[in-house]
């Protein structure tokens, strides 16, 4: 019996594919940060009991979507929970601002799309 081994050689991504991938890797964190800010805006002062766990859950899930390492996911979820629980933080889009500046200065993304 003859066994045939097939090796597929994937070529380099085209310029359009590379640009699309870069746009998704750059815009996804910013859009998720906008959702974090929208959630903070939706939580009213005095709803700390509800806002803290919901914010922590949102931070954990969103950072998981971005493939952030587990220790950072836990830290991000805690900060997001506090951000949602603290009163009067909804007037300034802090998550969007920080994420946008970070993405701007981050440089070239990793090949596999993973984040540190």
PDB file of N, CA and C in Angstrom:
ATOM      1  N   UNK A   1       0.831  -1.169   0.000  1.00  0.00           N
ATOM      2  CA  UNK A   1       0.000   0.000   0.000  1.00  0.00           C
ATOM      3  C   UNK A   1       0.883   1.243   0.000  1.00  0.00           C
ATOM      4  N   UNK A   2       0.534   2.166  -0.842  1.00  0.00           N
ATOM      5  CA  UNK A   2       1.298   3.405  -0.966  1.00  0.00           C
ATOM      6  C   UNK A   2       0.557   4.511  -0.224  1.00  0.00           C
ATOM      7  N   UNK A   3       1.287   5.177   0.654  1.00  0.00           N
ATOM      8  CA  UNK A   3       0.697   6.300   1.376  1.00  0.00           C
ATOM      9  C   UNK A   3       1.247   7.586   0.790  1.00  0.00           C
ATOM     10  N   UNK A   4       0.377   8.503   0.583  1.00  0.00           N
ATOM     11  CA  UNK A   4       0.770   9.786   0.016  1.00  0.00           C
ATOM     12  C   UNK A   4       0.593  10.855   1.088  1.00  0.00           C
ATOM     13  N   UNK A   5       1.614  11.647   1.281  1.00  0.00           N
ATOM     14  CA  UNK A   5       1.559  12.727   2.252  1.00  0.00           C
ATOM     15  C   UNK A   5       1.458  14.040   1.482  1.00  0.00           C
ATOM     16  N   UNK A   6       0.441  14.805   1.808  1.00  0.00           N
ATOM     17  CA  UNK A   6       0.220  16.060   1.120  1.00  0.00           C
ATOM     18  C   UNK A   6       0.595  17.202   2.058  1.00  0.00           C
ATOM     19  N   UNK A   7       1.419  18.091   1.560  1.00  0.00           N
ATOM     20  CA  UNK A   7       1.807  19.257   2.342  1.00  0.00           C
ATOM     21  C   UNK A   7       1.317  20.492   1.600  1.00  0.00           C
ATOM     22  N   UNK A   8       0.491  21.252   2.272  1.00  0.00           N
ATOM     23  CA  UNK A   8      -0.057  22.449   1.657  1.00  0.00           C
ATOM     24  C   UNK A   8       0.842  23.630   1.989  1.00  0.00           C
ATOM     25  N   UNK A   9       1.195  24.339   0.965  1.00  0.00           N
ATOM     26  CA  UNK A   9       2.032  25.512   1.150  1.00  0.00           C
ATOM     27  C   UNK A   9       1.146  26.742   0.993  1.00  0.00           C
ATOM     28  N   UNK A  10       0.959  27.421   2.100  1.00  0.00           N
ATOM     29  CA  UNK A  10       0.163  28.642   2.068  1.00  0.00           C
ATOM     30  C   UNK A  10       1.071  29.804   1.707  1.00  0.00           C
ATOM     31  N   UNK A  11       0.627  30.574   0.773  1.00  0.00           N
ATOM     32  CA  UNK A  11       1.398  31.734   0.364  1.00  0.00           C
ATOM     33  C   UNK A  11       1.227  32.899   1.318  1.00  0.00           C
ATOM     34  N   UNK A  12       1.947  33.919   1.080  1.00  0.00           N
ATOM     35  CA  UNK A  12       1.833  35.140   1.876  1.00  0.00           C
ATOM     36  C   UNK A  12       0.457  35.756   1.657  1.00  0.00           C
ATOM     37  N   UNK A  13      -0.120  36.364   2.701  1.00  0.00           N
ATOM     38  CA  UNK A  13      -1.418  37.019   2.497  1.00  0.00           C
ATOM     39  C   UNK A  13      -1.265  38.209   1.557  1.00  0.00           C
ATOM     40  N   UNK A  14      -2.313  38.460   0.799  1.00  0.00           N
ATOM     41  CA  UNK A  14      -2.262  39.600  -0.115  1.00  0.00           C
ATOM     42  C   UNK A  14      -2.287  40.886   0.694  1.00  0.00           C
ATOM     43  N   UNK A  15      -2.024  41.975   0.019  1.00  0.00           N
ATOM     44  CA  UNK A  15      -2.003  43.281   0.693  1.00  0.00           C
ATOM     45  C   UNK A  15      -3.382  43.608   1.279  1.00  0.00           C
ATOM     46  N   UNK A  16      -4.438  43.265   0.560  1.00  0.00           N
ATOM     47  CA  UNK A  16      -5.789  43.506   1.047  1.00  0.00           C
ATOM     48  C   UNK A  16      -6.112  42.665   2.270  1.00  0.00           C
ATOM     49  N   UNK A  17      -5.700  41.390   2.259  1.00  0.00           N
ATOM     50  CA  UNK A  17      -5.934  40.521   3.408  1.00  0.00           C
ATOM     51  C   UNK A  17      -5.139  41.004   4.616  1.00  0.00           C
ATOM     52  N   UNK A  18      -3.923  41.427   4.391  1.00  0.00           N
ATOM     53  CA  UNK A  18      -3.080  41.919   5.470  1.00  0.00           C
ATOM     54  C   UNK A  18      -3.665  43.194   6.081  1.00  0.00           C
ATOM     55  N   UNK A  19      -4.145  44.085   5.229  1.00  0.00           N
ATOM     56  CA  UNK A  19      -4.745  45.325   5.715  1.00  0.00           C
ATOM     57  C   UNK A  19      -6.025  45.044   6.489  1.00  0.00           C
ATOM     58  N   UNK A  20      -6.835  44.125   5.994  1.00  0.00           N
ATOM     59  CA  UNK A  20      -8.076  43.758   6.678  1.00  0.00           C
ATOM     60  C   UNK A  20      -7.777  43.139   8.044  1.00  0.00           C
ATOM     61  N   UNK A  21      -6.780  42.264   8.107  1.00  0.00           N
ATOM     62  CA  UNK A  21      -6.403  41.634   9.367  1.00  0.00           C
ATOM     63  C   UNK A  21      -5.887  42.670  10.359  1.00  0.00           C
ATOM     64  N   UNK A  22      -5.091  43.594   9.877  1.00  0.00           N
ATOM     65  CA  UNK A  22      -4.553  44.664  10.742  1.00  0.00           C
ATOM     66  C   UNK A  22      -5.688  45.545  11.266  1.00  0.00           C
ATOM     67  N   UNK A  23      -6.675  45.850  10.412  1.00  0.00           N
ATOM     68  CA  UNK A  23      -7.801  46.683  10.826  1.00  0.00           C
ATOM     69  C   UNK A  23      -8.618  45.988  11.909  1.00  0.00           C
ATOM     70  N   UNK A  24      -8.860  44.696  11.744  1.00  0.00           N
ATOM     71  CA  UNK A  24      -9.622  43.951  12.749  1.00  0.00           C
ATOM     72  C   UNK A  24      -8.854  43.895  14.062  1.00  0.00           C
ATOM     73  N   UNK A  25      -7.556  43.642  14.002  1.00  0.00           N
ATOM     74  CA  UNK A  25      -6.751  43.559  15.214  1.00  0.00           C
ATOM     75  C   UNK A  25      -6.646  44.908  15.925  1.00  0.00           C
ATOM     76  N   UNK A  26      -6.755  45.995  15.188  1.00  0.00           N
ATOM     77  CA  UNK A  26      -6.675  47.318  15.792  1.00  0.00           C
ATOM     78  C   UNK A  26      -8.030  47.802  16.271  1.00  0.00           C
ATOM     79  N   UNK A  27      -9.071  47.576  15.487  1.00  0.00           N
ATOM     80  CA  UNK A  27     -10.388  48.109  15.835  1.00  0.00           C
ATOM     81  C   UNK A  27     -11.150  47.272  16.854  1.00  0.00           C
ATOM     82  N   UNK A  28     -10.910  45.982  16.903  1.00  0.00           N
ATOM     83  CA  UNK A  28     -11.644  45.132  17.850  1.00  0.00           C
ATOM     84  C   UNK A  28     -11.470  45.593  19.295  1.00  0.00           C
ATOM     85  N   UNK A  29     -10.249  45.878  19.761  1.00  0.00           N
ATOM     86  CA  UNK A  29     -10.120  46.349  21.142  1.00  0.00           C
ATOM     87  C   UNK A  29     -10.815  47.684  21.376  1.00  0.00           C
ATOM     88  N   UNK A  30     -10.774  48.571  20.399  1.00  0.00           N
ATOM     89  CA  UNK A  30     -11.401  49.881  20.550  1.00  0.00           C
ATOM     90  C   UNK A  30     -12.923  49.734  20.610  1.00  0.00           C
ATOM     91  N   UNK A  31     -13.480  48.894  19.760  1.00  0.00           N
ATOM     92  CA  UNK A  31     -14.929  48.680  19.787  1.00  0.00           C
ATOM     93  C   UNK A  31     -15.376  48.016  21.090  1.00  0.00           C
ATOM     94  N   UNK A  32     -14.595  47.072  21.588  1.00  0.00           N
ATOM     95  CA  UNK A  32     -14.933  46.455  22.868  1.00  0.00           C
ATOM     96  C   UNK A  32     -14.804  47.456  24.016  1.00  0.00           C
ATOM     97  N   UNK A  33     -13.830  48.345  23.936  1.00  0.00           N
ATOM     98  CA  UNK A  33     -13.702  49.393  24.960  1.00  0.00           C
ATOM     99  C   UNK A  33     -14.904  50.333  24.914  1.00  0.00           C
ATOM    100  N   UNK A  34     -15.404  50.596  23.723  1.00  0.00           N
ATOM    101  CA  UNK A  34     -16.609  51.421  23.610  1.00  0.00           C
ATOM    102  C   UNK A  34     -17.795  50.730  24.276  1.00  0.00           C
ATOM    103  N   UNK A  35     -17.875  49.405  24.166  1.00  0.00           N
ATOM    104  CA  UNK A  35     -18.931  48.664  24.847  1.00  0.00           C
ATOM    105  C   UNK A  35     -18.756  48.726  26.367  1.00  0.00           C
ATOM    106  N   UNK A  36     -17.514  48.694  26.832  1.00  0.00           N
ATOM    107  CA  UNK A  36     -17.252  48.841  28.274  1.00  0.00           C
ATOM    108  C   UNK A  36     -17.733  50.213  28.743  1.00  0.00           C
ATOM    109  N   UNK A  37     -17.428  51.259  27.969  1.00  0.00           N
ATOM    110  CA  UNK A  37     -17.888  52.607  28.334  1.00  0.00           C
ATOM    111  C   UNK A  37     -19.405  52.715  28.281  1.00  0.00           C
ATOM    112  N   UNK A  38     -20.032  52.064  27.319  1.00  0.00           N
ATOM    113  CA  UNK A  38     -21.496  52.078  27.243  1.00  0.00           C
ATOM    114  C   UNK A  38     -22.100  51.376  28.453  1.00  0.00           C
ATOM    115  N   UNK A  39     -21.490  50.290  28.880  1.00  0.00           N
ATOM    116  CA  UNK A  39     -21.960  49.604  30.085  1.00  0.00           C
ATOM    117  C   UNK A  39     -21.790  50.461  31.310  1.00  0.00           C
ATOM    118  N   UNK A  40     -20.692  51.201  31.383  1.00  0.00           N
ATOM    119  CA  UNK A  40     -20.483  52.104  32.517  1.00  0.00           C
ATOM    120  C   UNK A  40     -21.516  53.222  32.514  1.00  0.00           C
ATOM    121  N   UNK A  41     -21.828  53.712  31.340  1.00  0.00           N
ATOM    122  CA  UNK A  41     -22.833  54.770  31.235  1.00  0.00           C
ATOM    123  C   UNK A  41     -24.214  54.259  31.634  1.00  0.00           C
ATOM    124  N   UNK A  42     -24.468  52.980  31.385  1.00  0.00           N
ATOM    125  CA  UNK A  42     -25.768  52.397  31.713  1.00  0.00           C
ATOM    126  C   UNK A  42     -25.930  52.123  33.208  1.00  0.00           C
ATOM    127  N   UNK A  43     -24.829  52.013  33.943  1.00  0.00           N
ATOM    128  CA  UNK A  43     -24.923  51.778  35.387  1.00  0.00           C
ATOM    129  C   UNK A  43     -25.055  53.119  36.095  1.00  0.00           C
ATOM    130  N   UNK A  44     -26.035  53.212  36.947  1.00  0.00           N
ATOM    131  CA  UNK A  44     -26.313  54.458  37.655  1.00  0.00           C
ATOM    132  C   UNK A  44     -25.694  54.417  39.039  1.00  0.00           C
ATOM    133  N   UNK A  45     -25.400  55.582  39.621  1.00  0.00           N
ATOM    134  CA  UNK A  45     -24.886  55.606  40.999  1.00  0.00           C
ATOM    135  C   UNK A  45     -25.860  54.881  41.926  1.00  0.00           C
ATOM    136  N   UNK A  46     -25.319  54.094  42.823  1.00  0.00           N
ATOM    137  CA  UNK A  46     -26.139  53.339  43.751  1.00  0.00           C
ATOM    138  C   UNK A  46     -26.408  51.915  43.314  1.00  0.00           C
ATOM    139  N   UNK A  47     -25.924  51.536  42.134  1.00  0.00           N
ATOM    140  CA  UNK A  47     -26.126  50.159  41.652  1.00  0.00           C
ATOM    141  C   UNK A  47     -24.829  49.355  41.744  1.00  0.00           C
ATOM    142  N   UNK A  48     -24.004  49.664  42.724  1.00  0.00           N
ATOM    143  CA  UNK A  48     -22.698  49.020  42.864  1.00  0.00           C
ATOM    144  C   UNK A  48     -22.820  47.512  43.020  1.00  0.00           C
ATOM    145  N   UNK A  49     -23.829  47.062  43.727  1.00  0.00           N
ATOM    146  CA  UNK A  49     -23.998  45.633  43.974  1.00  0.00           C
ATOM    147  C   UNK A  49     -24.196  44.871  42.661  1.00  0.00           C
ATOM    148  N   UNK A  50     -24.835  45.494  41.704  1.00  0.00           N
ATOM    149  CA  UNK A  50     -25.069  44.855  40.408  1.00  0.00           C
ATOM    150  C   UNK A  50     -23.939  45.186  39.434  1.00  0.00           C
ATOM    151  N   UNK A  51     -23.471  46.420  39.455  1.00  0.00           N
ATOM    152  CA  UNK A  51     -22.491  46.879  38.472  1.00  0.00           C
ATOM    153  C   UNK A  51     -21.131  46.200  38.643  1.00  0.00           C
ATOM    154  N   UNK A  52     -20.708  45.958  39.863  1.00  0.00           N
ATOM    155  CA  UNK A  52     -19.391  45.362  40.091  1.00  0.00           C
ATOM    156  C   UNK A  52     -19.271  43.973  39.465  1.00  0.00           C
ATOM    157  N   UNK A  53     -20.160  43.032  39.775  1.00  0.00           N
ATOM    158  CA  UNK A  53     -20.006  41.710  39.136  1.00  0.00           C
ATOM    159  C   UNK A  53     -20.258  41.715  37.627  1.00  0.00           C
ATOM    160  N   UNK A  54     -21.200  42.536  37.175  1.00  0.00           N
ATOM    161  CA  UNK A  54     -21.441  42.609  35.733  1.00  0.00           C
ATOM    162  C   UNK A  54     -20.234  43.185  35.002  1.00  0.00           C
ATOM    163  N   UNK A  55     -19.623  44.207  35.575  1.00  0.00           N
ATOM    164  CA  UNK A  55     -18.424  44.793  34.981  1.00  0.00           C
ATOM    165  C   UNK A  55     -17.265  43.816  34.957  1.00  0.00           C
ATOM    166  N   UNK A  56     -17.127  43.054  36.037  1.00  0.00           N
ATOM    167  CA  UNK A  56     -16.062  42.054  36.079  1.00  0.00           C
ATOM    168  C   UNK A  56     -16.292  40.972  35.020  1.00  0.00           C
ATOM    169  N   UNK A  57     -17.532  40.546  34.875  1.00  0.00           N
ATOM    170  CA  UNK A  57     -17.856  39.544  33.859  1.00  0.00           C
ATOM    171  C   UNK A  57     -17.583  40.079  32.451  1.00  0.00           C
ATOM    172  N   UNK A  58     -18.017  41.308  32.204  1.00  0.00           N
ATOM    173  CA  UNK A  58     -17.791  41.911  30.885  1.00  0.00           C
ATOM    174  C   UNK A  58     -16.304  42.051  30.593  1.00  0.00           C
ATOM    175  N   UNK A  59     -15.536  42.517  31.557  1.00  0.00           N
ATOM    176  CA  UNK A  59     -14.089  42.659  31.366  1.00  0.00           C
ATOM    177  C   UNK A  59     -13.409  41.339  31.108  1.00  0.00           C
ATOM    178  N   UNK A  60     -13.838  40.307  31.814  1.00  0.00           N
ATOM    179  CA  UNK A  60     -13.244  38.982  31.639  1.00  0.00           C
ATOM    180  C   UNK A  60     -13.582  38.407  30.262  1.00  0.00           C
ATOM    181  N   UNK A  61     -14.837  38.532  29.865  1.00  0.00           N
ATOM    182  CA  UNK A  61     -15.252  37.991  28.562  1.00  0.00           C
ATOM    183  C   UNK A  61     -14.619  38.755  27.404  1.00  0.00           C
ATOM    184  N   UNK A  62     -14.599  40.083  27.489  1.00  0.00           N
ATOM    185  CA  UNK A  62     -14.040  40.881  26.399  1.00  0.00           C
ATOM    186  C   UNK A  62     -12.539  40.662  26.274  1.00  0.00           C
ATOM    187  N   UNK A  63     -11.826  40.583  27.390  1.00  0.00           N
ATOM    188  CA  UNK A  63     -10.385  40.340  27.290  1.00  0.00           C
ATOM    189  C   UNK A  63     -10.108  38.927  26.795  1.00  0.00           C
ATOM    190  N   UNK A  64     -11.019  37.987  27.075  1.00  0.00           N
ATOM    191  CA  UNK A  64     -10.880  36.640  26.514  1.00  0.00           C
ATOM    192  C   UNK A  64     -11.072  36.639  25.015  1.00  0.00           C
ATOM    193  N   UNK A  65     -12.002  37.459  24.545  1.00  0.00           N
ATOM    194  CA  UNK A  65     -12.221  37.591  23.109  1.00  0.00           C
ATOM    195  C   UNK A  65     -10.962  38.101  22.411  1.00  0.00           C
ATOM    196  N   UNK A  66     -10.215  38.949  23.106  1.00  0.00           N
ATOM    197  CA  UNK A  66      -8.983  39.506  22.539  1.00  0.00           C
ATOM    198  C   UNK A  66      -7.771  38.617  22.786  1.00  0.00           C
ATOM    199  N   UNK A  67      -7.968  37.446  23.377  1.00  0.00           N
ATOM    200  CA  UNK A  67      -6.913  36.470  23.632  1.00  0.00           C
ATOM    201  C   UNK A  67      -5.819  37.019  24.543  1.00  0.00           C
ATOM    202  N   UNK A  68      -6.237  37.709  25.595  1.00  0.00           N
ATOM    203  CA  UNK A  68      -5.298  38.243  26.578  1.00  0.00           C
ATOM    204  C   UNK A  68      -4.925  37.113  27.531  1.00  0.00           C
ATOM    205  N   UNK A  69      -3.683  37.101  28.010  1.00  0.00           N
ATOM    206  CA  UNK A  69      -3.223  36.072  28.944  1.00  0.00           C
ATOM    207  C   UNK A  69      -4.056  36.117  30.227  1.00  0.00           C
ATOM    208  N   UNK A  70      -4.217  34.973  30.873  1.00  0.00           N
ATOM    209  CA  UNK A  70      -5.109  34.834  32.023  1.00  0.00           C
ATOM    210  C   UNK A  70      -4.806  35.801  33.174  1.00  0.00           C
ATOM    211  N   UNK A  71      -3.556  36.008  33.586  1.00  0.00           N
ATOM    212  CA  UNK A  71      -3.345  36.966  34.679  1.00  0.00           C
ATOM    213  C   UNK A  71      -3.836  38.377  34.327  1.00  0.00           C
ATOM    214  N   UNK A  72      -3.642  38.769  33.086  1.00  0.00           N
ATOM    215  CA  UNK A  72      -4.105  40.083  32.652  1.00  0.00           C
ATOM    216  C   UNK A  72      -5.627  40.129  32.564  1.00  0.00           C
ATOM    217  N   UNK A  73      -6.248  39.015  32.180  1.00  0.00           N
ATOM    218  CA  UNK A  73      -7.718  38.950  32.116  1.00  0.00           C
ATOM    219  C   UNK A  73      -8.317  39.198  33.492  1.00  0.00           C
ATOM    220  N   UNK A  74      -7.721  38.603  34.514  1.00  0.00           N
ATOM    221  CA  UNK A  74      -8.226  38.779  35.875  1.00  0.00           C
ATOM    222  C   UNK A  74      -8.058  40.226  36.311  1.00  0.00           C
ATOM    223  N   UNK A  75      -6.919  40.819  36.014  1.00  0.00           N
ATOM    224  CA  UNK A  75      -6.683  42.224  36.362  1.00  0.00           C
ATOM    225  C   UNK A  75      -7.652  43.141  35.614  1.00  0.00           C
ATOM    226  N   UNK A  76      -7.829  42.894  34.329  1.00  0.00           N
ATOM    227  CA  UNK A  76      -8.744  43.710  33.523  1.00  0.00           C
ATOM    228  C   UNK A  76     -10.173  43.570  34.024  1.00  0.00           C
ATOM    229  N   UNK A  77     -10.570  42.358  34.409  1.00  0.00           N
ATOM    230  CA  UNK A  77     -11.944  42.173  34.900  1.00  0.00           C
ATOM    231  C   UNK A  77     -12.156  42.920  36.210  1.00  0.00           C
ATOM    232  N   UNK A  78     -11.166  42.929  37.081  1.00  0.00           N
ATOM    233  CA  UNK A  78     -11.285  43.684  38.337  1.00  0.00           C
ATOM    234  C   UNK A  78     -11.378  45.179  38.106  1.00  0.00           C
ATOM    235  N   UNK A  79     -10.558  45.687  37.207  1.00  0.00           N
ATOM    236  CA  UNK A  79     -10.583  47.120  36.904  1.00  0.00           C
ATOM    237  C   UNK A  79     -11.899  47.507  36.244  1.00  0.00           C
ATOM    238  N   UNK A  80     -12.385  46.670  35.343  1.00  0.00           N
ATOM    239  CA  UNK A  80     -13.663  46.956  34.681  1.00  0.00           C
ATOM    240  C   UNK A  80     -14.806  46.952  35.687  1.00  0.00           C
ATOM    241  N   UNK A  81     -14.792  46.009  36.614  1.00  0.00           N
ATOM    242  CA  UNK A  81     -15.825  45.971  37.650  1.00  0.00           C
ATOM    243  C   UNK A  81     -15.813  47.227  38.499  1.00  0.00           C
ATOM    244  N   UNK A  82     -14.622  47.665  38.899  1.00  0.00           N
ATOM    245  CA  UNK A  82     -14.528  48.910  39.676  1.00  0.00           C
ATOM    246  C   UNK A  82     -14.959  50.119  38.863  1.00  0.00           C
ATOM    247  N   UNK A  83     -14.586  50.128  37.602  1.00  0.00           N
ATOM    248  CA  UNK A  83     -14.953  51.231  36.712  1.00  0.00           C
ATOM    249  C   UNK A  83     -16.465  51.354  36.594  1.00  0.00           C
ATOM    250  N   UNK A  84     -17.147  50.225  36.481  1.00  0.00           N
ATOM    251  CA  UNK A  84     -18.604  50.251  36.385  1.00  0.00           C
ATOM    252  C   UNK A  84     -19.232  50.589  37.733  1.00  0.00           C
ATOM    253  N   UNK A  85     -18.597  50.194  38.828  1.00  0.00           N
ATOM    254  CA  UNK A  85     -19.196  50.384  40.148  1.00  0.00           C
ATOM    255  C   UNK A  85     -19.008  51.797  40.690  1.00  0.00           C
ATOM    256  N   UNK A  86     -17.922  52.459  40.306  1.00  0.00           N
ATOM    257  CA  UNK A  86     -17.676  53.810  40.820  1.00  0.00           C
ATOM    258  C   UNK A  86     -18.667  54.795  40.210  1.00  0.00           C
ATOM    259  N   UNK A  87     -19.211  55.682  41.032  1.00  0.00           N
ATOM    260  CA  UNK A  87     -20.187  56.640  40.503  1.00  0.00           C
ATOM    261  C   UNK A  87     -19.518  57.741  39.673  1.00  0.00           C
ATOM    262  N   UNK A  88     -20.261  58.262  38.731  1.00  0.00           N
ATOM    263  CA  UNK A  88     -19.881  59.417  37.906  1.00  0.00           C
ATOM    264  C   UNK A  88     -18.660  59.193  37.024  1.00  0.00           C
ATOM    265  N   UNK A  89     -18.406  57.957  36.631  1.00  0.00           N
ATOM    266  CA  UNK A  89     -17.317  57.693  35.683  1.00  0.00           C
ATOM    267  C   UNK A  89     -17.839  57.581  34.255  1.00  0.00           C
ATOM    268  N   UNK A  90     -19.133  57.599  34.067  1.00  0.00           N
ATOM    269  CA  UNK A  90     -19.717  57.438  32.747  1.00  0.00           C
ATOM    270  C   UNK A  90     -19.623  58.665  31.861  1.00  0.00           C
ATOM    271  N   UNK A  91     -19.227  59.796  32.429  1.00  0.00           N
ATOM    272  CA  UNK A  91     -19.173  61.026  31.637  1.00  0.00           C
ATOM    273  C   UNK A  91     -17.924  61.136  30.781  1.00  0.00           C
ATOM    274  N   UNK A  92     -16.919  60.333  31.075  1.00  0.00           N
ATOM    275  CA  UNK A  92     -15.687  60.359  30.294  1.00  0.00           C
ATOM    276  C   UNK A  92     -15.407  58.945  29.795  1.00  0.00           C
ATOM    277  N   UNK A  93     -15.245  58.750  28.495  1.00  0.00           N
ATOM    278  CA  UNK A  93     -15.014  57.396  27.956  1.00  0.00           C
ATOM    279  C   UNK A  93     -13.583  56.917  28.219  1.00  0.00           C
ATOM    280  N   UNK A  94     -13.311  56.581  29.453  1.00  0.00           N
ATOM    281  CA  UNK A  94     -11.964  56.220  29.882  1.00  0.00           C
ATOM    282  C   UNK A  94     -11.435  54.973  29.178  1.00  0.00           C
ATOM    283  N   UNK A  95     -12.253  53.926  29.082  1.00  0.00           N
ATOM    284  CA  UNK A  95     -11.791  52.681  28.451  1.00  0.00           C
ATOM    285  C   UNK A  95     -11.456  52.900  26.979  1.00  0.00           C
ATOM    286  N   UNK A  96     -12.299  53.634  26.285  1.00  0.00           N
ATOM    287  CA  UNK A  96     -12.053  53.893  24.867  1.00  0.00           C
ATOM    288  C   UNK A  96     -10.795  54.738  24.682  1.00  0.00           C
ATOM    289  N   UNK A  97     -10.619  55.739  25.512  1.00  0.00           N
ATOM    290  CA  UNK A  97      -9.452  56.613  25.399  1.00  0.00           C
ATOM    291  C   UNK A  97      -8.151  55.855  25.640  1.00  0.00           C
ATOM    292  N   UNK A  98      -8.116  55.080  26.711  1.00  0.00           N
ATOM    293  CA  UNK A  98      -6.901  54.328  27.033  1.00  0.00           C
ATOM    294  C   UNK A  98      -6.600  53.299  25.952  1.00  0.00           C
ATOM    295  N   UNK A  99      -7.615  52.586  25.502  1.00  0.00           N
ATOM    296  CA  UNK A  99      -7.406  51.553  24.485  1.00  0.00           C
ATOM    297  C   UNK A  99      -6.959  52.149  23.161  1.00  0.00           C
ATOM    298  N   UNK A 100      -7.530  53.263  22.769  1.00  0.00           N
ATOM    299  CA  UNK A 100      -7.150  53.899  21.509  1.00  0.00           C
ATOM    300  C   UNK A 100      -5.688  54.345  21.540  1.00  0.00           C
ATOM    301  N   UNK A 101      -5.271  54.971  22.610  1.00  0.00           N
ATOM    302  CA  UNK A 101      -3.879  55.409  22.724  1.00  0.00           C
ATOM    303  C   UNK A 101      -2.944  54.204  22.753  1.00  0.00           C
ATOM    304  N   UNK A 102      -3.314  53.169  23.491  1.00  0.00           N
ATOM    305  CA  UNK A 102      -2.496  51.962  23.572  1.00  0.00           C
ATOM    306  C   UNK A 102      -2.354  51.301  22.209  1.00  0.00           C
ATOM    307  N   UNK A 103      -3.456  51.170  21.478  1.00  0.00           N
ATOM    308  CA  UNK A 103      -3.407  50.553  20.151  1.00  0.00           C
ATOM    309  C   UNK A 103      -2.589  51.395  19.182  1.00  0.00           C
ATOM    310  N   UNK A 104      -2.635  52.700  19.325  1.00  0.00           N
ATOM    311  CA  UNK A 104      -1.882  53.572  18.434  1.00  0.00           C
ATOM    312  C   UNK A 104      -0.375  53.367  18.612  1.00  0.00           C
ATOM    313  N   UNK A 105       0.063  53.220  19.860  1.00  0.00           N
ATOM    314  CA  UNK A 105       1.492  53.104  20.137  1.00  0.00           C
ATOM    315  C   UNK A 105       1.982  51.657  20.216  1.00  0.00           C
ATOM    316  N   UNK A 106       1.094  50.691  20.042  1.00  0.00           N
ATOM    317  CA  UNK A 106       1.459  49.280  20.205  1.00  0.00           C
ATOM    318  C   UNK A 106       2.419  48.794  19.137  1.00  0.00           C
ATOM    319  N   UNK A 107       2.304  49.253  17.936  1.00  0.00           N
ATOM    320  CA  UNK A 107       3.189  48.799  16.865  1.00  0.00           C
ATOM    321  C   UNK A 107       2.589  47.641  16.110  1.00  0.00           C
ATOM    322  N   UNK A 108       3.437  46.877  15.442  1.00  0.00           N
ATOM    323  CA  UNK A 108       2.991  45.769  14.594  1.00  0.00           C
ATOM    324  C   UNK A 108       2.428  44.638  15.460  1.00  0.00           C
ATOM    325  N   UNK A 109       1.249  44.103  15.074  1.00  0.00           N
ATOM    326  CA  UNK A 109       0.665  43.013  15.857  1.00  0.00           C
ATOM    327  C   UNK A 109       1.432  41.710  15.685  1.00  0.00           C
ATOM    328  N   UNK A 110       1.239  40.804  16.627  1.00  0.00           N
ATOM    329  CA  UNK A 110       1.877  39.492  16.547  1.00  0.00           C
ATOM    330  C   UNK A 110       1.288  38.709  15.367  1.00  0.00           C
ATOM    331  N   UNK A 111       2.053  37.782  14.845  1.00  0.00           N
ATOM    332  CA  UNK A 111       1.617  36.991  13.687  1.00  0.00           C
ATOM    333  C   UNK A 111       0.376  36.152  13.991  1.00  0.00           C
ATOM    334  N   UNK A 112       0.306  35.596  15.206  1.00  0.00           N
ATOM    335  CA  UNK A 112      -0.817  34.721  15.549  1.00  0.00           C
ATOM    336  C   UNK A 112      -2.011  35.484  16.100  1.00  0.00           C
ATOM    337  N   UNK A 113      -1.882  36.789  16.273  1.00  0.00           N
ATOM    338  CA  UNK A 113      -2.993  37.596  16.757  1.00  0.00           C
ATOM    339  C   UNK A 113      -3.107  37.618  18.272  1.00  0.00           C
ATOM    340  N   UNK A 114      -2.242  36.880  18.972  1.00  0.00           N
ATOM    341  CA  UNK A 114      -2.300  36.834  20.435  1.00  0.00           C
ATOM    342  C   UNK A 114      -1.755  38.127  21.018  1.00  0.00           C
ATOM    343  N   UNK A 115      -2.255  38.469  22.199  1.00  0.00           N
ATOM    344  CA  UNK A 115      -1.806  39.668  22.902  1.00  0.00           C
ATOM    345  C   UNK A 115      -1.053  39.254  24.145  1.00  0.00           C
ATOM    346  N   UNK A 116      -0.096  40.088  24.579  1.00  0.00           N
ATOM    347  CA  UNK A 116       0.683  39.741  25.787  1.00  0.00           C
ATOM    348  C   UNK A 116      -0.158  39.774  27.027  1.00  0.00           C
TER     349      UNK A 116
END
